[in-house]
């Protein structure tokens, strides 16, 4: 993949992560303004949207590692361990229209978010890294940087936040058969 294509991809994923954050904040504000009935805003579509976010994040991470050949650090792997199953769990939950899927997916999303926040802290303050990361592929290394603050853990964190908010908004609209 050419350098120009990688830059375009980085910008696309950075913009998607900003859109995800704005969307999550917008949904939370809507919930605060409207109260409990706000959960019906997206109904059964919330789970499909969460699946799309998880799928895009999963495919994006695979593009970075398998096409562009960025080697994931240890904390990136932990975020992948949380994100990859989400793509499958959310798809199955969306197809079956199961409200209980949020109880399976939300812990994964919140765990991935916690790792992402910690990873971001390490990248902005490398002294916090400690000895758990590989010295040849440190977690403090910033493989990409867009707009001066968006990197891969930020993008993953934005996806985890939006998935978590969408799961909170998910209401099963019809009973599965």
Protein backbone atom coordinates (compact mmCIF):
# COMPACT_ATOMS: atom_id res chain seq x y z
CA UNK A 1 0.00 0.00 0.00
CA UNK A 2 1.41 3.37 -0.97
CA UNK A 3 2.28 6.05 1.56
CA UNK A 4 -0.43 8.30 0.13
CA UNK A 5 -3.04 5.54 0.50
CA UNK A 6 -1.99 4.98 4.12
CA UNK A 7 -2.34 8.71 4.84
CA UNK A 8 -5.82 8.74 3.30
CA UNK A 9 -6.80 5.65 5.31
CA UNK A 10 -5.46 7.23 8.51
CA UNK A 11 -7.51 10.37 7.85
CA UNK A 12 -10.66 8.38 7.07
CA UNK A 13 -10.38 6.35 10.28
CA UNK A 14 -9.54 9.49 12.29
CA UNK A 15 -12.62 11.27 10.95
CA UNK A 16 -14.76 8.19 11.63
CA UNK A 17 -13.50 8.13 15.22
CA UNK A 18 -14.41 11.80 15.67
CA UNK A 19 -17.86 11.14 14.17
CA UNK A 20 -18.24 8.20 16.58
CA UNK A 21 -17.43 10.40 19.56
CA UNK A 22 -19.76 13.18 18.42
CA UNK A 23 -22.50 10.59 17.84
CA UNK A 24 -22.02 9.07 21.29
CA UNK A 25 -22.07 12.49 22.95
CA UNK A 26 -25.15 13.46 20.94
CA UNK A 27 -26.97 10.30 22.02
CA UNK A 28 -26.05 10.89 25.66
CA UNK A 29 -27.25 14.50 25.53
CA UNK A 30 -30.47 13.37 23.86
CA UNK A 31 -30.95 10.83 26.65
CA UNK A 32 -30.42 13.48 29.33
CA UNK A 33 -32.89 15.86 27.67
CA UNK A 34 -35.60 13.33 26.78
CA UNK A 35 -35.31 11.03 29.78
CA UNK A 36 -36.17 7.31 29.78
CA UNK A 37 -38.29 7.39 26.61
CA UNK A 38 -35.13 8.35 24.70
CA UNK A 39 -34.16 4.68 24.63
CA UNK A 40 -36.75 4.19 21.87
CA UNK A 41 -34.88 6.58 19.56
CA UNK A 42 -32.98 3.83 17.76
CA UNK A 43 -34.95 0.79 18.93
CA UNK A 44 -33.66 -2.39 17.32
CA UNK A 45 -31.39 -0.45 14.98
CA UNK A 46 -28.97 0.41 17.79
CA UNK A 47 -27.60 -3.13 17.81
CA UNK A 48 -27.08 -3.06 14.05
CA UNK A 49 -25.24 0.25 14.32
CA UNK A 50 -23.09 -1.15 17.13
CA UNK A 51 -22.28 -4.14 14.92
CA UNK A 52 -21.25 -1.85 12.04
CA UNK A 53 -18.93 0.06 14.39
CA UNK A 54 -17.41 -3.19 15.67
CA UNK A 55 -17.02 -4.54 12.14
CA UNK A 56 -15.34 -1.36 10.86
CA UNK A 57 -12.98 -1.34 13.86
CA UNK A 58 -12.13 -5.01 13.36
CA UNK A 59 -11.53 -4.65 9.62
CA UNK A 60 -9.53 -1.46 10.23
CA UNK A 61 -7.22 -3.17 12.70
CA UNK A 62 -6.73 -6.06 10.29
CA UNK A 63 -5.89 -3.65 7.47
CA UNK A 64 -3.30 -1.95 9.67
CA UNK A 65 -1.66 -5.24 10.65
CA UNK A 66 -2.10 -7.45 7.60
CA UNK A 67 -2.02 -4.97 4.70
CA UNK A 68 0.06 -2.06 6.02
CA UNK A 69 2.14 -4.40 8.24
CA UNK A 70 2.00 -2.43 11.49
CA UNK A 71 2.93 -4.83 14.26
CA UNK A 72 0.40 -4.54 17.12
CA UNK A 73 1.86 -3.94 20.56
CA UNK A 74 0.71 -5.86 23.63
CA UNK A 75 -2.02 -3.35 24.56
CA UNK A 76 -3.24 -3.30 20.95
CA UNK A 77 -3.66 -7.06 21.22
CA UNK A 78 -5.74 -6.67 24.39
CA UNK A 79 -7.96 -4.17 22.58
CA UNK A 80 -8.31 -6.61 19.70
CA UNK A 81 -9.25 -9.36 22.14
CA UNK A 82 -12.14 -7.15 23.23
CA UNK A 83 -13.14 -5.86 19.76
CA UNK A 84 -13.01 -8.93 17.54
CA UNK A 85 -15.59 -10.96 19.47
CA UNK A 86 -17.85 -7.91 19.59
CA UNK A 87 -18.26 -8.03 15.82
CA UNK A 88 -19.59 -11.59 16.07
CA UNK A 89 -21.58 -11.22 19.30
CA UNK A 90 -23.33 -8.08 18.05
CA UNK A 91 -24.14 -9.69 14.69
CA UNK A 92 -25.71 -12.73 16.33
CA UNK A 93 -27.59 -10.53 18.79
CA UNK A 94 -28.85 -8.31 15.97
CA UNK A 95 -30.01 -11.24 13.86
CA UNK A 96 -31.76 -12.89 16.81
CA UNK A 97 -33.06 -9.53 18.15
CA UNK A 98 -32.04 -10.48 21.67
CA UNK A 99 -32.10 -7.71 24.26
CA UNK A 100 -29.78 -9.77 26.45
CA UNK A 101 -26.91 -9.27 23.96
CA UNK A 102 -26.07 -6.00 25.69
CA UNK A 103 -25.13 -7.95 28.82
CA UNK A 104 -22.64 -10.02 26.82
CA UNK A 105 -21.22 -7.23 24.73
CA UNK A 106 -21.09 -4.34 27.19
CA UNK A 107 -18.41 -5.89 29.46
CA UNK A 108 -16.19 -6.49 26.41
CA UNK A 109 -16.69 -2.92 25.18
CA UNK A 110 -16.00 -1.39 28.59
CA UNK A 111 -12.92 -3.58 29.12
CA UNK A 112 -11.60 -2.60 25.70
CA UNK A 113 -12.30 1.06 26.51
CA UNK A 114 -10.33 0.81 29.77
CA UNK A 115 -7.35 -0.69 27.92
CA UNK A 116 -7.66 1.97 25.23
CA UNK A 117 -7.65 4.79 27.79
CA UNK A 118 -4.60 3.29 29.51
CA UNK A 119 -2.87 2.85 26.14
CA UNK A 120 -3.55 6.48 25.26
CA UNK A 121 -2.14 7.61 28.60
CA UNK A 122 1.03 5.62 27.93
CA UNK A 123 1.40 7.10 24.45
CA UNK A 124 1.14 10.65 25.77
CA UNK A 125 3.24 9.88 28.87
CA UNK A 126 5.73 7.07 28.05
CA UNK A 127 7.05 7.06 31.63
CA UNK A 128 3.88 5.20 32.67
CA UNK A 129 4.69 2.25 30.43
CA UNK A 130 6.58 0.12 32.94
CA UNK A 131 8.13 -3.18 31.90
CA UNK A 132 5.14 -5.10 30.60
CA UNK A 133 5.50 -4.09 26.95
CA UNK A 134 7.98 -5.43 24.42
CA UNK A 135 11.08 -3.18 24.22
CA UNK A 136 11.26 -3.83 20.45
CA UNK A 137 7.57 -2.91 19.99
CA UNK A 138 6.72 -0.61 22.91
CA UNK A 139 3.15 0.39 23.69
CA UNK A 140 4.31 4.01 23.94
CA UNK A 141 5.28 4.11 20.24
CA UNK A 142 2.79 6.06 18.14
CA UNK A 143 2.53 4.29 14.81
CA UNK A 144 0.24 6.95 13.37
CA UNK A 145 -0.82 10.42 14.45
CA UNK A 146 -3.61 12.39 12.79
CA UNK A 147 -4.61 15.93 13.74
CA UNK A 148 -1.94 15.87 16.45
CA UNK A 149 -3.86 13.68 18.89
CA UNK A 150 -5.62 10.80 17.11
CA UNK A 151 -3.78 7.50 17.11
CA UNK A 152 -4.85 3.87 16.95
CA UNK A 153 -5.79 3.53 20.64
CA UNK A 154 -7.87 6.72 20.34
CA UNK A 155 -9.70 5.26 17.35
CA UNK A 156 -10.36 2.01 19.21
CA UNK A 157 -11.52 3.95 22.26
CA UNK A 158 -13.97 5.96 20.16
CA UNK A 159 -15.38 2.72 18.75
CA UNK A 160 -15.71 1.20 22.24
CA UNK A 161 -17.47 4.33 23.51
CA UNK A 162 -19.98 4.41 20.66
CA UNK A 163 -20.65 0.68 20.95
CA UNK A 164 -21.26 1.08 24.70
CA UNK A 165 -23.66 3.99 24.19
CA UNK A 166 -25.50 2.17 21.40
CA UNK A 167 -25.86 -0.90 23.60
CA UNK A 168 -27.35 1.31 26.31
CA UNK A 169 -29.88 2.55 23.73
CA UNK A 170 -30.71 -0.92 22.40
CA UNK A 171 -34.30 -1.95 22.91
CA UNK A 172 -35.63 -5.11 21.31
CA UNK A 173 -38.50 -4.03 19.10
CA UNK A 174 -40.06 -7.41 18.38
CA UNK A 175 -39.81 -10.87 19.86
CA UNK A 176 -37.56 -13.41 18.11
CA UNK A 177 -39.31 -16.49 16.80
